[in-house]
N, C-alpha and C. Protein backbone atom coordinates (compact mmCIF):
# COMPACT_ATOMS: atom_id res chain seq x y z
N MET A 1 -0.42 -21.17 -2.96
CA MET A 1 -0.88 -20.43 -4.11
C MET A 1 -1.17 -18.98 -3.74
N GLU A 2 -1.80 -18.77 -2.57
CA GLU A 2 -2.11 -17.40 -2.17
C GLU A 2 -0.84 -16.57 -2.02
N ARG A 3 0.23 -17.16 -1.54
CA ARG A 3 1.50 -16.45 -1.38
C ARG A 3 2.01 -15.94 -2.72
N ALA A 4 1.73 -16.66 -3.79
CA ALA A 4 2.16 -16.24 -5.12
C ALA A 4 1.39 -15.01 -5.58
N ARG A 5 0.14 -14.88 -5.16
CA ARG A 5 -0.69 -13.74 -5.57
C ARG A 5 -0.62 -12.57 -4.61
N TYR A 6 -0.40 -12.84 -3.33
CA TYR A 6 -0.44 -11.81 -2.29
C TYR A 6 0.82 -11.89 -1.43
N GLY A 7 1.11 -10.80 -0.76
CA GLY A 7 2.18 -10.80 0.22
C GLY A 7 3.57 -10.58 -0.33
N VAL A 8 3.73 -10.65 -1.63
CA VAL A 8 5.04 -10.42 -2.23
C VAL A 8 5.09 -8.97 -2.68
N GLU A 9 6.05 -8.25 -2.16
CA GLU A 9 6.13 -6.84 -2.54
C GLU A 9 6.81 -6.68 -3.89
N ARG A 10 6.41 -5.64 -4.58
CA ARG A 10 7.04 -5.32 -5.86
C ARG A 10 7.38 -3.84 -5.86
N LEU A 11 8.32 -3.45 -6.68
CA LEU A 11 8.67 -2.05 -6.83
C LEU A 11 7.84 -1.44 -7.94
N GLN A 12 7.35 -0.26 -7.70
CA GLN A 12 6.55 0.44 -8.69
C GLN A 12 7.10 1.85 -8.86
N ASP A 13 7.45 2.20 -10.09
CA ASP A 13 7.90 3.55 -10.41
C ASP A 13 6.69 4.40 -10.75
N ALA A 14 6.65 5.61 -10.21
CA ALA A 14 5.55 6.53 -10.46
C ALA A 14 6.11 7.94 -10.53
N PRO A 15 5.34 8.89 -11.04
CA PRO A 15 5.81 10.28 -11.09
C PRO A 15 6.21 10.84 -9.73
N ASP A 16 5.64 10.30 -8.65
CA ASP A 16 5.97 10.79 -7.31
C ASP A 16 7.05 9.96 -6.62
N GLY A 17 7.76 9.13 -7.36
CA GLY A 17 8.86 8.36 -6.80
C GLY A 17 8.68 6.87 -6.98
N GLN A 18 9.54 6.14 -6.31
CA GLN A 18 9.50 4.69 -6.38
C GLN A 18 8.86 4.16 -5.10
N TRP A 19 7.99 3.16 -5.26
CA TRP A 19 7.21 2.64 -4.15
C TRP A 19 7.33 1.12 -4.03
N HIS A 20 7.34 0.65 -2.80
CA HIS A 20 7.14 -0.77 -2.51
C HIS A 20 5.63 -0.95 -2.41
N VAL A 21 5.09 -1.94 -3.09
CA VAL A 21 3.65 -2.18 -3.07
C VAL A 21 3.42 -3.67 -2.80
N ARG A 22 2.54 -3.95 -1.85
CA ARG A 22 2.21 -5.34 -1.51
C ARG A 22 0.70 -5.50 -1.46
N LYS A 23 0.18 -6.52 -2.12
CA LYS A 23 -1.25 -6.84 -2.04
C LYS A 23 -1.51 -7.61 -0.76
N ILE A 24 -2.60 -7.27 -0.10
CA ILE A 24 -3.04 -7.98 1.10
C ILE A 24 -4.36 -8.67 0.76
N SER A 25 -4.40 -9.97 0.94
CA SER A 25 -5.62 -10.73 0.61
C SER A 25 -6.69 -10.48 1.66
N ALA A 26 -7.92 -10.78 1.31
CA ALA A 26 -9.03 -10.62 2.24
C ALA A 26 -8.84 -11.49 3.48
N THR A 27 -8.29 -12.68 3.32
CA THR A 27 -8.10 -13.57 4.47
C THR A 27 -6.97 -13.10 5.38
N SER A 28 -6.03 -12.31 4.84
CA SER A 28 -4.93 -11.79 5.65
C SER A 28 -5.23 -10.42 6.25
N ALA A 29 -6.27 -9.77 5.80
CA ALA A 29 -6.63 -8.43 6.29
C ALA A 29 -7.35 -8.56 7.62
N ALA A 30 -6.64 -8.27 8.71
CA ALA A 30 -7.20 -8.51 10.04
C ALA A 30 -7.48 -7.24 10.83
N LYS A 31 -7.05 -6.08 10.35
CA LYS A 31 -7.23 -4.83 11.08
C LYS A 31 -8.01 -3.83 10.24
N THR A 32 -8.42 -2.75 10.89
CA THR A 32 -9.09 -1.65 10.19
C THR A 32 -8.05 -0.56 9.94
N TYR A 33 -8.03 -0.04 8.72
CA TYR A 33 -7.12 1.03 8.33
C TYR A 33 -7.92 2.12 7.62
N LYS A 34 -7.41 3.33 7.65
CA LYS A 34 -8.04 4.43 6.93
C LYS A 34 -7.28 4.66 5.63
N CYS A 35 -7.97 4.57 4.52
CA CYS A 35 -7.37 4.75 3.20
C CYS A 35 -7.03 6.24 3.01
N PRO A 36 -5.77 6.56 2.70
CA PRO A 36 -5.42 7.97 2.48
C PRO A 36 -5.99 8.53 1.18
N GLY A 37 -6.43 7.68 0.29
CA GLY A 37 -6.98 8.14 -0.97
C GLY A 37 -8.39 8.69 -0.87
N CYS A 38 -9.25 7.97 -0.15
CA CYS A 38 -10.66 8.37 -0.07
C CYS A 38 -11.10 8.75 1.33
N GLY A 39 -10.26 8.44 2.33
CA GLY A 39 -10.61 8.76 3.70
C GLY A 39 -11.57 7.77 4.35
N GLN A 40 -11.97 6.73 3.62
CA GLN A 40 -12.87 5.72 4.15
C GLN A 40 -12.06 4.61 4.82
N PHE A 41 -12.73 3.84 5.66
CA PHE A 41 -12.04 2.76 6.35
C PHE A 41 -11.99 1.49 5.51
N ILE A 42 -10.88 0.79 5.64
CA ILE A 42 -10.70 -0.54 5.05
C ILE A 42 -10.88 -1.50 6.22
N LYS A 43 -11.96 -2.23 6.22
CA LYS A 43 -12.28 -3.10 7.35
C LYS A 43 -11.63 -4.47 7.19
N PRO A 44 -11.52 -5.22 8.28
CA PRO A 44 -10.97 -6.58 8.19
C PRO A 44 -11.75 -7.40 7.16
N GLY A 45 -11.03 -8.22 6.42
CA GLY A 45 -11.64 -9.06 5.41
C GLY A 45 -11.75 -8.41 4.05
N ILE A 46 -11.22 -7.18 3.90
CA ILE A 46 -11.25 -6.48 2.61
C ILE A 46 -9.87 -6.49 1.99
N GLU A 47 -9.79 -6.98 0.76
CA GLU A 47 -8.52 -6.99 0.02
C GLU A 47 -8.07 -5.54 -0.20
N HIS A 48 -6.77 -5.28 -0.02
CA HIS A 48 -6.23 -3.94 -0.22
C HIS A 48 -4.74 -4.00 -0.54
N VAL A 49 -4.12 -2.85 -0.70
CA VAL A 49 -2.67 -2.79 -0.94
C VAL A 49 -2.02 -1.96 0.15
N VAL A 50 -0.76 -2.30 0.42
CA VAL A 50 0.07 -1.53 1.33
C VAL A 50 1.19 -0.93 0.49
N ALA A 51 1.43 0.36 0.67
CA ALA A 51 2.47 1.02 -0.11
C ALA A 51 3.35 1.88 0.79
N TRP A 52 4.66 1.89 0.48
CA TRP A 52 5.59 2.76 1.18
C TRP A 52 6.73 3.11 0.22
N ARG A 53 7.30 4.27 0.43
CA ARG A 53 8.31 4.79 -0.48
C ARG A 53 9.57 3.91 -0.48
N ALA A 54 10.11 3.69 -1.65
CA ALA A 54 11.37 2.97 -1.78
C ALA A 54 12.54 3.94 -1.76
N ASP A 55 12.24 5.22 -1.93
CA ASP A 55 13.30 6.24 -1.98
C ASP A 55 13.13 7.28 -0.88
N HIS A 56 12.73 6.82 0.30
CA HIS A 56 12.50 7.72 1.44
C HIS A 56 13.82 8.36 1.85
N TRP A 57 13.80 9.65 2.11
CA TRP A 57 15.03 10.39 2.42
C TRP A 57 15.69 9.95 3.72
N SER A 58 14.94 9.37 4.65
CA SER A 58 15.54 8.97 5.93
C SER A 58 15.75 7.47 6.07
N GLY A 59 15.65 6.73 4.96
CA GLY A 59 15.99 5.32 4.98
C GLY A 59 14.80 4.37 4.99
N ASP A 60 15.14 3.10 4.86
CA ASP A 60 14.13 2.05 4.73
C ASP A 60 13.26 1.86 5.97
N SER A 61 13.85 1.95 7.16
CA SER A 61 13.04 1.72 8.35
C SER A 61 12.01 2.83 8.55
N ALA A 62 12.40 4.07 8.30
CA ALA A 62 11.44 5.18 8.40
C ALA A 62 10.37 5.04 7.34
N SER A 63 10.75 4.59 6.17
CA SER A 63 9.80 4.39 5.08
C SER A 63 8.77 3.32 5.45
N ALA A 64 9.25 2.21 6.01
CA ALA A 64 8.34 1.12 6.39
C ALA A 64 7.38 1.57 7.49
N GLU A 65 7.84 2.42 8.40
CA GLU A 65 6.97 2.93 9.46
C GLU A 65 5.90 3.87 8.90
N ALA A 66 6.17 4.48 7.76
CA ALA A 66 5.23 5.42 7.14
C ALA A 66 4.33 4.75 6.11
N ARG A 67 4.33 3.42 6.04
CA ARG A 67 3.51 2.73 5.03
C ARG A 67 2.03 2.99 5.28
N ARG A 68 1.27 2.93 4.21
CA ARG A 68 -0.16 3.19 4.27
C ARG A 68 -0.93 2.10 3.54
N HIS A 69 -2.13 1.85 4.02
CA HIS A 69 -3.01 0.84 3.44
C HIS A 69 -4.04 1.56 2.57
N TRP A 70 -4.19 1.10 1.34
CA TRP A 70 -5.03 1.75 0.33
C TRP A 70 -6.04 0.76 -0.25
N HIS A 71 -7.21 1.28 -0.63
CA HIS A 71 -8.09 0.50 -1.50
C HIS A 71 -7.37 0.38 -2.84
N PRO A 72 -7.45 -0.74 -3.52
CA PRO A 72 -6.75 -0.88 -4.81
C PRO A 72 -7.10 0.21 -5.82
N LYS A 73 -8.37 0.56 -5.95
CA LYS A 73 -8.78 1.60 -6.90
C LYS A 73 -8.23 2.96 -6.50
N CYS A 74 -8.19 3.24 -5.20
CA CYS A 74 -7.64 4.52 -4.73
C CYS A 74 -6.14 4.60 -5.03
N TRP A 75 -5.42 3.50 -4.84
CA TRP A 75 -3.99 3.49 -5.12
C TRP A 75 -3.75 3.70 -6.62
N GLU A 76 -4.50 3.00 -7.44
CA GLU A 76 -4.31 3.09 -8.89
C GLU A 76 -4.68 4.47 -9.44
N SER A 77 -5.62 5.14 -8.81
CA SER A 77 -6.09 6.43 -9.35
C SER A 77 -5.62 7.63 -8.53
N ARG A 78 -4.67 7.42 -7.63
CA ARG A 78 -4.22 8.54 -6.79
C ARG A 78 -3.63 9.66 -7.65
N SER A 79 -3.72 10.86 -7.15
CA SER A 79 -3.13 11.98 -7.85
C SER A 79 -1.72 12.17 -7.32
N TYR A 80 -0.83 12.54 -8.18
CA TYR A 80 0.57 12.71 -7.81
C TYR A 80 0.81 14.17 -7.42
N LYS A 81 1.39 14.37 -6.28
CA LYS A 81 1.66 15.73 -5.79
C LYS A 81 3.16 15.98 -5.96
N TYR A 82 3.47 17.04 -6.67
CA TYR A 82 4.88 17.35 -6.93
C TYR A 82 5.39 18.39 -5.99
């Protein structure tokens, strides 16, 4: 059941491009990451999202290496830079 809610990536279109977005459940969150939206840390055990560009100019592998972990509210309310 958890696999149905988390871990499956989806494509999201936004003004700043197309993004792969994956939800990470609290039980799967095992590392500490710094949220690019607020600059605060996402500690292990905190549900969050991982996002990376689907239209990266240097390809999918470079895009996956540049993925970032976000608080869900920070991802939803991020400002788009043109």
